[in-house]
Amino acid sequence: MPMPIPEFRFRSMRIGPLGVAVAGLTLLAAGAVMLLLLFGKALLLSAVVSWVWPRVFSPEFTRVIFGTETISFWKVLLLFVLAGVVVSLLRRRRER
C-alpha cells in the first residue's frame, strides 16, 4: 500500500515596515561590501590621486591630460579600473 504524501502548509509571515527596512539595508550593505571587494583598490587609488593631483600638477597640464582644468574622480576611477583589467589580462597571458 503506497504511503500518503503529506501536505505542507506554509504560514505567511508578516515582517512589517521595520522588517522590510532592515532587509533592504542588509541588501544594500551586501552590495556595498561586494563593490568594495571588486573595486576597493581602484577606489582608494582614485581618491588619493584626485586629492594629490591638483597639488602637484598645474591646471594647464590637467587641461591637456583630462580636457578640463580640474580632475574628475570618476575619470580617474575609470582609468584605474581599466588599468586593473588590462594588467589582469596581461598577467593571465604571461602565465600561459
PDB file of N, CA and C in Angstrom:
ATOM      1  N   MET A   1       0.833  -1.170   0.000  1.00  0.00           N
ATOM      2  CA  MET A   1       0.000   0.000   0.000  1.00  0.00           C
ATOM      3  C   MET A   1       0.892   1.253   0.000  1.00  0.00           C
ATOM      4  N   PRO A   2       0.685   2.184  -0.967  1.00  0.00           N
ATOM      5  CA  PRO A   2       1.538   3.382  -1.042  1.00  0.00           C
ATOM      6  C   PRO A   2       1.300   4.313   0.149  1.00  0.00           C
ATOM      7  N   MET A   3       2.379   4.967   0.533  1.00  0.00           N
ATOM      8  CA  MET A   3       2.272   5.908   1.650  1.00  0.00           C
ATOM      9  C   MET A   3       1.658   7.209   1.157  1.00  0.00           C
ATOM     10  N   PRO A   4       0.807   7.806   1.946  1.00  0.00           N
ATOM     11  CA  PRO A   4       0.230   9.085   1.526  1.00  0.00           C
ATOM     12  C   PRO A   4       1.280  10.202   1.597  1.00  0.00           C
ATOM     13  N   ILE A   5       1.175  11.110   0.645  1.00  0.00           N
ATOM     14  CA  ILE A   5       2.092  12.249   0.610  1.00  0.00           C
ATOM     15  C   ILE A   5       1.570  13.301   1.588  1.00  0.00           C
ATOM     16  N   PRO A   6       2.401  13.739   2.521  1.00  0.00           N
ATOM     17  CA  PRO A   6       1.921  14.731   3.487  1.00  0.00           C
ATOM     18  C   PRO A   6       1.730  16.083   2.815  1.00  0.00           C
ATOM     19  N   GLU A   7       0.772  16.803   3.281  1.00  0.00           N
ATOM     20  CA  GLU A   7       0.525  18.153   2.765  1.00  0.00           C
ATOM     21  C   GLU A   7       1.297  19.149   3.614  1.00  0.00           C
ATOM     22  N   PHE A   8       2.011  20.010   2.941  1.00  0.00           N
ATOM     23  CA  PHE A   8       2.759  21.044   3.647  1.00  0.00           C
ATOM     24  C   PHE A   8       1.962  22.330   3.612  1.00  0.00           C
ATOM     25  N   ARG A   9       1.910  22.980   4.732  1.00  0.00           N
ATOM     26  CA  ARG A   9       1.208  24.264   4.807  1.00  0.00           C
ATOM     27  C   ARG A   9       2.220  25.309   5.259  1.00  0.00           C
ATOM     28  N   PHE A  10       2.333  26.327   4.477  1.00  0.00           N
ATOM     29  CA  PHE A  10       3.242  27.414   4.818  1.00  0.00           C
ATOM     30  C   PHE A  10       2.475  28.497   5.545  1.00  0.00           C
ATOM     31  N   ARG A  11       3.046  28.951   6.630  1.00  0.00           N
ATOM     32  CA  ARG A  11       2.442  30.079   7.328  1.00  0.00           C
ATOM     33  C   ARG A  11       2.943  31.359   6.682  1.00  0.00           C
ATOM     34  N   SER A  12       2.066  32.283   6.528  1.00  0.00           N
ATOM     35  CA  SER A  12       2.512  33.554   5.972  1.00  0.00           C
ATOM     36  C   SER A  12       3.137  34.367   7.101  1.00  0.00           C
ATOM     37  N   MET A  13       4.261  34.977   6.784  1.00  0.00           N
ATOM     38  CA  MET A  13       4.940  35.794   7.775  1.00  0.00           C
ATOM     39  C   MET A  13       4.739  37.248   7.438  1.00  0.00           C
ATOM     40  N   ARG A  14       4.493  38.029   8.447  1.00  0.00           N
ATOM     41  CA  ARG A  14       4.381  39.467   8.247  1.00  0.00           C
ATOM     42  C   ARG A  14       5.530  40.113   8.995  1.00  0.00           C
ATOM     43  N   ILE A  15       6.411  40.735   8.243  1.00  0.00           N
ATOM     44  CA  ILE A  15       7.562  41.340   8.899  1.00  0.00           C
ATOM     45  C   ILE A  15       7.363  42.831   9.134  1.00  0.00           C
ATOM     46  N   GLY A  16       6.413  43.412   8.494  1.00  0.00           N
ATOM     47  CA  GLY A  16       6.109  44.811   8.731  1.00  0.00           C
ATOM     48  C   GLY A  16       7.112  45.749   8.084  1.00  0.00           C
ATOM     49  N   PRO A  17       6.851  47.053   8.207  1.00  0.00           N
ATOM     50  CA  PRO A  17       7.725  48.038   7.561  1.00  0.00           C
ATOM     51  C   PRO A  17       9.145  48.054   8.141  1.00  0.00           C
ATOM     52  N   LEU A  18       9.276  47.827   9.436  1.00  0.00           N
ATOM     53  CA  LEU A  18      10.610  47.813  10.032  1.00  0.00           C
ATOM     54  C   LEU A  18      11.423  46.630   9.497  1.00  0.00           C
ATOM     55  N   GLY A  19      10.794  45.493   9.356  1.00  0.00           N
ATOM     56  CA  GLY A  19      11.479  44.326   8.801  1.00  0.00           C
ATOM     57  C   GLY A  19      11.882  44.537   7.357  1.00  0.00           C
ATOM     58  N   VAL A  20      11.015  45.195   6.603  1.00  0.00           N
ATOM     59  CA  VAL A  20      11.342  45.497   5.205  1.00  0.00           C
ATOM     60  C   VAL A  20      12.531  46.449   5.143  1.00  0.00           C
ATOM     61  N   ALA A  21      12.539  47.455   6.033  1.00  0.00           N
ATOM     62  CA  ALA A  21      13.650  48.408   6.059  1.00  0.00           C
ATOM     63  C   ALA A  21      14.962  47.711   6.430  1.00  0.00           C
ATOM     64  N   VAL A  22      14.921  46.845   7.422  1.00  0.00           N
ATOM     65  CA  VAL A  22      16.134  46.124   7.830  1.00  0.00           C
ATOM     66  C   VAL A  22      16.606  45.198   6.713  1.00  0.00           C
ATOM     67  N   ALA A  23      15.686  44.530   6.045  1.00  0.00           N
ATOM     68  CA  ALA A  23      16.063  43.653   4.935  1.00  0.00           C
ATOM     69  C   ALA A  23      16.679  44.462   3.791  1.00  0.00           C
ATOM     70  N   GLY A  24      16.104  45.619   3.504  1.00  0.00           N
ATOM     71  CA  GLY A  24      16.659  46.471   2.455  1.00  0.00           C
ATOM     72  C   GLY A  24      18.043  46.985   2.802  1.00  0.00           C
ATOM     73  N   LEU A  25      18.235  47.382   4.062  1.00  0.00           N
ATOM     74  CA  LEU A  25      19.558  47.845   4.485  1.00  0.00           C
ATOM     75  C   LEU A  25      20.586  46.717   4.443  1.00  0.00           C
ATOM     76  N   THR A  26      20.155  45.515   4.768  1.00  0.00           N
ATOM     77  CA  THR A  26      21.052  44.362   4.676  1.00  0.00           C
ATOM     78  C   THR A  26      21.471  44.125   3.228  1.00  0.00           C
ATOM     79  N   LEU A  27      20.524  44.247   2.319  1.00  0.00           N
ATOM     80  CA  LEU A  27      20.827  44.083   0.898  1.00  0.00           C
ATOM     81  C   LEU A  27      21.798  45.162   0.425  1.00  0.00           C
ATOM     82  N   LEU A  28      21.581  46.407   0.843  1.00  0.00           N
ATOM     83  CA  LEU A  28      22.488  47.491   0.466  1.00  0.00           C
ATOM     84  C   LEU A  28      23.885  47.280   1.046  1.00  0.00           C
ATOM     85  N   ALA A  29      23.957  46.818   2.283  1.00  0.00           N
ATOM     86  CA  ALA A  29      25.264  46.557   2.895  1.00  0.00           C
ATOM     87  C   ALA A  29      26.003  45.451   2.151  1.00  0.00           C
ATOM     88  N   ALA A  30      25.289  44.414   1.751  1.00  0.00           N
ATOM     89  CA  ALA A  30      25.920  43.329   0.993  1.00  0.00           C
ATOM     90  C   ALA A  30      26.425  43.838  -0.356  1.00  0.00           C
ATOM     91  N   GLY A  31      25.649  44.690  -1.000  1.00  0.00           N
ATOM     92  CA  GLY A  31      26.090  45.273  -2.267  1.00  0.00           C
ATOM     93  C   GLY A  31      27.313  46.161  -2.096  1.00  0.00           C
ATOM     94  N   ALA A  32      27.346  46.935  -1.010  1.00  0.00           N
ATOM     95  CA  ALA A  32      28.498  47.799  -0.748  1.00  0.00           C
ATOM     96  C   ALA A  32      29.755  46.979  -0.490  1.00  0.00           C
ATOM     97  N   VAL A  33      29.627  45.901   0.257  1.00  0.00           N
ATOM     98  CA  VAL A  33      30.783  45.033   0.514  1.00  0.00           C
ATOM     99  C   VAL A  33      31.264  44.404  -0.788  1.00  0.00           C
ATOM    100  N   MET A  34      30.339  43.992  -1.644  1.00  0.00           N
ATOM    101  CA  MET A  34      30.720  43.405  -2.923  1.00  0.00           C
ATOM    102  C   MET A  34      31.481  44.424  -3.778  1.00  0.00           C
ATOM    103  N   LEU A  35      30.981  45.664  -3.822  1.00  0.00           N
ATOM    104  CA  LEU A  35      31.663  46.694  -4.601  1.00  0.00           C
ATOM    105  C   LEU A  35      33.045  47.002  -4.036  1.00  0.00           C
ATOM    106  N   LEU A  36      33.153  47.022  -2.710  1.00  0.00           N
ATOM    107  CA  LEU A  36      34.465  47.256  -2.111  1.00  0.00           C
ATOM    108  C   LEU A  36      35.435  46.122  -2.418  1.00  0.00           C
ATOM    109  N   LEU A  37      34.934  44.900  -2.429  1.00  0.00           N
ATOM    110  CA  LEU A  37      35.807  43.774  -2.768  1.00  0.00           C
ATOM    111  C   LEU A  37      36.260  43.844  -4.222  1.00  0.00           C
ATOM    112  N   LEU A  38      35.362  44.266  -5.100  1.00  0.00           N
ATOM    113  CA  LEU A  38      35.709  44.331  -6.521  1.00  0.00           C
ATOM    114  C   LEU A  38      36.561  45.546  -6.867  1.00  0.00           C
ATOM    115  N   PHE A  39      36.191  46.705  -6.322  1.00  0.00           N
ATOM    116  CA  PHE A  39      36.818  47.957  -6.739  1.00  0.00           C
ATOM    117  C   PHE A  39      37.508  48.700  -5.609  1.00  0.00           C
ATOM    118  N   GLY A  40      37.794  48.047  -4.499  1.00  0.00           N
ATOM    119  CA  GLY A  40      38.366  48.728  -3.344  1.00  0.00           C
ATOM    120  C   GLY A  40      39.696  49.392  -3.634  1.00  0.00           C
ATOM    121  N   LYS A  41      40.592  48.661  -4.279  1.00  0.00           N
ATOM    122  CA  LYS A  41      41.912  49.212  -4.576  1.00  0.00           C
ATOM    123  C   LYS A  41      41.796  50.387  -5.546  1.00  0.00           C
ATOM    124  N   ALA A  42      40.962  50.246  -6.560  1.00  0.00           N
ATOM    125  CA  ALA A  42      40.785  51.325  -7.536  1.00  0.00           C
ATOM    126  C   ALA A  42      40.134  52.543  -6.886  1.00  0.00           C
ATOM    127  N   LEU A  43      39.179  52.325  -5.984  1.00  0.00           N
ATOM    128  CA  LEU A  43      38.547  53.445  -5.283  1.00  0.00           C
ATOM    129  C   LEU A  43      39.550  54.196  -4.422  1.00  0.00           C
ATOM    130  N   LEU A  44      40.365  53.472  -3.691  1.00  0.00           N
ATOM    131  CA  LEU A  44      41.356  54.108  -2.828  1.00  0.00           C
ATOM    132  C   LEU A  44      42.384  54.879  -3.649  1.00  0.00           C
ATOM    133  N   LEU A  45      42.904  54.260  -4.695  1.00  0.00           N
ATOM    134  CA  LEU A  45      43.879  54.941  -5.542  1.00  0.00           C
ATOM    135  C   LEU A  45      43.277  56.165  -6.223  1.00  0.00           C
ATOM    136  N   SER A  46      42.032  56.072  -6.656  1.00  0.00           N
ATOM    137  CA  SER A  46      41.375  57.208  -7.300  1.00  0.00           C
ATOM    138  C   SER A  46      41.198  58.361  -6.329  1.00  0.00           C
ATOM    139  N   ALA A  47      40.833  58.049  -5.098  1.00  0.00           N
ATOM    140  CA  ALA A  47      40.677  59.107  -4.096  1.00  0.00           C
ATOM    141  C   ALA A  47      42.012  59.789  -3.812  1.00  0.00           C
ATOM    142  N   VAL A  48      43.070  58.999  -3.697  1.00  0.00           N
ATOM    143  CA  VAL A  48      44.391  59.576  -3.425  1.00  0.00           C
ATOM    144  C   VAL A  48      44.856  60.430  -4.599  1.00  0.00           C
ATOM    145  N   VAL A  49      44.722  59.919  -5.811  1.00  0.00           N
ATOM    146  CA  VAL A  49      45.158  60.677  -6.990  1.00  0.00           C
ATOM    147  C   VAL A  49      44.320  61.944  -7.160  1.00  0.00           C
ATOM    148  N   SER A  50      43.016  61.858  -6.923  1.00  0.00           N
ATOM    149  CA  SER A  50      42.158  63.044  -7.042  1.00  0.00           C
ATOM    150  C   SER A  50      42.536  64.109  -6.021  1.00  0.00           C
ATOM    151  N   TRP A  51      43.037  63.697  -4.876  1.00  0.00           N
ATOM    152  CA  TRP A  51      43.436  64.654  -3.850  1.00  0.00           C
ATOM    153  C   TRP A  51      44.831  65.219  -4.123  1.00  0.00           C
ATOM    154  N   VAL A  52      45.754  64.369  -4.611  1.00  0.00           N
ATOM    155  CA  VAL A  52      47.141  64.788  -4.806  1.00  0.00           C
ATOM    156  C   VAL A  52      47.333  65.551  -6.112  1.00  0.00           C
ATOM    157  N   TRP A  53      46.623  65.191  -7.156  1.00  0.00           N
ATOM    158  CA  TRP A  53      46.847  65.750  -8.496  1.00  0.00           C
ATOM    159  C   TRP A  53      46.857  67.279  -8.531  1.00  0.00           C
ATOM    160  N   PRO A  54      45.850  67.972  -7.990  1.00  0.00           N
ATOM    161  CA  PRO A  54      45.874  69.441  -8.081  1.00  0.00           C
ATOM    162  C   PRO A  54      47.030  70.068  -7.298  1.00  0.00           C
ATOM    163  N   ARG A  55      47.568  69.378  -6.327  1.00  0.00           N
ATOM    164  CA  ARG A  55      48.678  69.913  -5.544  1.00  0.00           C
ATOM    165  C   ARG A  55      50.018  69.735  -6.264  1.00  0.00           C
ATOM    166  N   VAL A  56      50.065  68.830  -7.228  1.00  0.00           N
ATOM    167  CA  VAL A  56      51.316  68.532  -7.919  1.00  0.00           C
ATOM    168  C   VAL A  56      51.348  69.146  -9.319  1.00  0.00           C
ATOM    169  N   PHE A  57      50.247  69.047 -10.058  1.00  0.00           N
ATOM    170  CA  PHE A  57      50.233  69.474 -11.453  1.00  0.00           C
ATOM    171  C   PHE A  57      49.413  70.745 -11.631  1.00  0.00           C
ATOM    172  N   SER A  58      49.798  71.529 -12.607  1.00  0.00           N
ATOM    173  CA  SER A  58      49.118  72.800 -12.871  1.00  0.00           C
ATOM    174  C   SER A  58      47.801  72.566 -13.607  1.00  0.00           C
ATOM    175  N   PRO A  59      46.889  73.569 -13.565  1.00  0.00           N
ATOM    176  CA  PRO A  59      45.630  73.439 -14.310  1.00  0.00           C
ATOM    177  C   PRO A  59      45.844  73.312 -15.823  1.00  0.00           C
ATOM    178  N   GLU A  60      46.898  73.936 -16.351  1.00  0.00           N
ATOM    179  CA  GLU A  60      47.164  73.827 -17.788  1.00  0.00           C
ATOM    180  C   GLU A  60      47.521  72.387 -18.167  1.00  0.00           C
ATOM    181  N   PHE A  61      48.375  71.752 -17.367  1.00  0.00           N
ATOM    182  CA  PHE A  61      48.739  70.358 -17.631  1.00  0.00           C
ATOM    183  C   PHE A  61      47.523  69.449 -17.483  1.00  0.00           C
ATOM    184  N   THR A  62      46.698  69.724 -16.479  1.00  0.00           N
ATOM    185  CA  THR A  62      45.488  68.928 -16.271  1.00  0.00           C
ATOM    186  C   THR A  62      44.542  69.079 -17.451  1.00  0.00           C
ATOM    187  N   ARG A  63      44.453  70.281 -18.022  1.00  0.00           N
ATOM    188  CA  ARG A  63      43.593  70.501 -19.185  1.00  0.00           C
ATOM    189  C   ARG A  63      44.101  69.690 -20.379  1.00  0.00           C
ATOM    190  N   VAL A  64      45.416  69.584 -20.545  1.00  0.00           N
ATOM    191  CA  VAL A  64      45.978  68.805 -21.645  1.00  0.00           C
ATOM    192  C   VAL A  64      45.662  67.318 -21.461  1.00  0.00           C
ATOM    193  N   ILE A  65      45.768  66.819 -20.239  1.00  0.00           N
ATOM    194  CA  ILE A  65      45.578  65.391 -19.982  1.00  0.00           C
ATOM    195  C   ILE A  65      44.103  65.009 -19.957  1.00  0.00           C
ATOM    196  N   PHE A  66      43.284  65.759 -19.190  1.00  0.00           N
ATOM    197  CA  PHE A  66      41.894  65.367 -18.960  1.00  0.00           C
ATOM    198  C   PHE A  66      40.867  66.217 -19.709  1.00  0.00           C
ATOM    199  N   GLY A  67      41.287  67.313 -20.321  1.00  0.00           N
ATOM    200  CA  GLY A  67      40.344  68.139 -21.072  1.00  0.00           C
ATOM    201  C   GLY A  67      39.668  69.213 -20.242  1.00  0.00           C
ATOM    202  N   THR A  68      39.885  69.235 -18.942  1.00  0.00           N
ATOM    203  CA  THR A  68      39.344  70.274 -18.062  1.00  0.00           C
ATOM    204  C   THR A  68      40.443  70.712 -17.103  1.00  0.00           C
ATOM    205  N   GLU A  69      40.227  71.846 -16.451  1.00  0.00           N
ATOM    206  CA  GLU A  69      41.247  72.343 -15.526  1.00  0.00           C
ATOM    207  C   GLU A  69      41.229  71.615 -14.187  1.00  0.00           C
ATOM    208  N   THR A  70      40.145  70.915 -13.907  1.00  0.00           N
ATOM    209  CA  THR A  70      40.070  70.146 -12.661  1.00  0.00           C
ATOM    210  C   THR A  70      39.955  68.667 -13.005  1.00  0.00           C
ATOM    211  N   ILE A  71      40.426  67.855 -12.104  1.00  0.00           N
ATOM    212  CA  ILE A  71      40.401  66.408 -12.328  1.00  0.00           C
ATOM    213  C   ILE A  71      39.082  65.843 -11.805  1.00  0.00           C
ATOM    214  N   SER A  72      38.503  64.928 -12.543  1.00  0.00           N
ATOM    215  CA  SER A  72      37.247  64.295 -12.150  1.00  0.00           C
ATOM    216  C   SER A  72      37.545  62.948 -11.489  1.00  0.00           C
ATOM    217  N   PHE A  73      36.973  62.733 -10.307  1.00  0.00           N
ATOM    218  CA  PHE A  73      37.166  61.464  -9.594  1.00  0.00           C
ATOM    219  C   PHE A  73      36.708  60.297 -10.452  1.00  0.00           C
ATOM    220  N   TRP A  74      35.603  60.467 -11.168  1.00  0.00           N
ATOM    221  CA  TRP A  74      35.037  59.359 -11.945  1.00  0.00           C
ATOM    222  C   TRP A  74      35.929  58.987 -13.125  1.00  0.00           C
ATOM    223  N   LYS A  75      36.579  59.989 -13.736  1.00  0.00           N
ATOM    224  CA  LYS A  75      37.513  59.675 -14.824  1.00  0.00           C
ATOM    225  C   LYS A  75      38.712  58.888 -14.299  1.00  0.00           C
ATOM    226  N   VAL A  76      39.216  59.315 -13.149  1.00  0.00           N
ATOM    227  CA  VAL A  76      40.368  58.620 -12.571  1.00  0.00           C
ATOM    228  C   VAL A  76      39.974  57.207 -12.153  1.00  0.00           C
ATOM    229  N   LEU A  77      38.778  57.059 -11.570  1.00  0.00           N
ATOM    230  CA  LEU A  77      38.305  55.729 -11.182  1.00  0.00           C
ATOM    231  C   LEU A  77      38.197  54.822 -12.402  1.00  0.00           C
ATOM    232  N   LEU A  78      37.628  55.335 -13.481  1.00  0.00           N
ATOM    233  CA  LEU A  78      37.513  54.545 -14.702  1.00  0.00           C
ATOM    234  C   LEU A  78      38.891  54.161 -15.241  1.00  0.00           C
ATOM    235  N   LEU A  79      39.841  55.093 -15.197  1.00  0.00           N
ATOM    236  CA  LEU A  79      41.194  54.779 -15.657  1.00  0.00           C
ATOM    237  C   LEU A  79      41.830  53.669 -14.826  1.00  0.00           C
ATOM    238  N   PHE A  80      41.667  53.734 -13.506  1.00  0.00           N
ATOM    239  CA  PHE A  80      42.260  52.703 -12.655  1.00  0.00           C
ATOM    240  C   PHE A  80      41.565  51.356 -12.825  1.00  0.00           C
ATOM    241  N   VAL A  81      40.255  51.354 -13.005  1.00  0.00           N
ATOM    242  CA  VAL A  81      39.545  50.087 -13.231  1.00  0.00           C
ATOM    243  C   VAL A  81      39.996  49.464 -14.549  1.00  0.00           C
ATOM    244  N   LEU A  82      40.074  50.280 -15.595  1.00  0.00           N
ATOM    245  CA  LEU A  82      40.531  49.757 -16.889  1.00  0.00           C
ATOM    246  C   LEU A  82      41.981  49.294 -16.825  1.00  0.00           C
ATOM    247  N   ALA A  83      42.822  50.030 -16.115  1.00  0.00           N
ATOM    248  CA  ALA A  83      44.215  49.612 -15.964  1.00  0.00           C
ATOM    249  C   ALA A  83      44.299  48.283 -15.216  1.00  0.00           C
ATOM    250  N   GLY A  84      43.451  48.101 -14.214  1.00  0.00           N
ATOM    251  CA  GLY A  84      43.428  46.832 -13.486  1.00  0.00           C
ATOM    252  C   GLY A  84      43.015  45.674 -14.371  1.00  0.00           C
ATOM    253  N   VAL A  85      42.047  45.915 -15.247  1.00  0.00           N
ATOM    254  CA  VAL A  85      41.606  44.863 -16.172  1.00  0.00           C
ATOM    255  C   VAL A  85      42.726  44.506 -17.144  1.00  0.00           C
ATOM    256  N   VAL A  86      43.403  45.519 -17.679  1.00  0.00           N
ATOM    257  CA  VAL A  86      44.489  45.267 -18.628  1.00  0.00           C
ATOM    258  C   VAL A  86      45.627  44.507 -17.957  1.00  0.00           C
ATOM    259  N   VAL A  87      45.999  44.923 -16.746  1.00  0.00           N
ATOM    260  CA  VAL A  87      47.075  44.227 -16.027  1.00  0.00           C
ATOM    261  C   VAL A  87      46.680  42.781 -15.745  1.00  0.00           C
ATOM    262  N   SER A  88      45.441  42.561 -15.367  1.00  0.00           N
ATOM    263  CA  SER A  88      44.972  41.203 -15.094  1.00  0.00           C
ATOM    264  C   SER A  88      45.034  40.343 -16.354  1.00  0.00           C
ATOM    265  N   LEU A  89      44.616  40.898 -17.477  1.00  0.00           N
ATOM    266  CA  LEU A  89      44.674  40.143 -18.732  1.00  0.00           C
ATOM    267  C   LEU A  89      46.108  39.842 -19.141  1.00  0.00           C
ATOM    268  N   LEU A  90      47.006  40.803 -18.958  1.00  0.00           N
ATOM    269  CA  LEU A  90      48.403  40.566 -19.315  1.00  0.00           C
ATOM    270  C   LEU A  90      49.050  39.531 -18.404  1.00  0.00           C
ATOM    271  N   ARG A  91      48.691  39.525 -17.130  1.00  0.00           N
ATOM    272  CA  ARG A  91      49.220  38.511 -16.211  1.00  0.00           C
ATOM    273  C   ARG A  91      48.772  37.118 -16.617  1.00  0.00           C
ATOM    274  N   ARG A  92      47.504  36.989 -16.979  1.00  0.00           N
ATOM    275  CA  ARG A  92      46.982  35.683 -17.399  1.00  0.00           C
ATOM    276  C   ARG A  92      47.677  35.202 -18.661  1.00  0.00           C
ATOM    277  N   ARG A  93      47.919  36.126 -19.574  1.00  0.00           N
ATOM    278  CA  ARG A  93      48.563  35.749 -20.831  1.00  0.00           C
ATOM    279  C   ARG A  93      50.000  35.299 -20.577  1.00  0.00           C
ATOM    280  N   ARG A  94      50.684  35.945 -19.633  1.00  0.00           N
ATOM    281  CA  ARG A  94      52.061  35.582 -19.327  1.00  0.00           C
ATOM    282  C   ARG A  94      52.134  34.205 -18.669  1.00  0.00           C
ATOM    283  N   GLU A  95      51.128  33.846 -17.879  1.00  0.00           N
ATOM    284  CA  GLU A  95      51.126  32.563 -17.179  1.00  0.00           C
ATOM    285  C   GLU A  95      50.916  31.387 -18.120  1.00  0.00           C
ATOM    286  N   ARG A  96      50.384  31.608 -19.282  1.00  0.00           N
ATOM    287  CA  ARG A  96      50.120  30.503 -20.217  1.00  0.00           C
ATOM    288  C   ARG A  96      51.353  29.952 -20.803  1.00  0.00           C
TER     289      ARG A  96
END
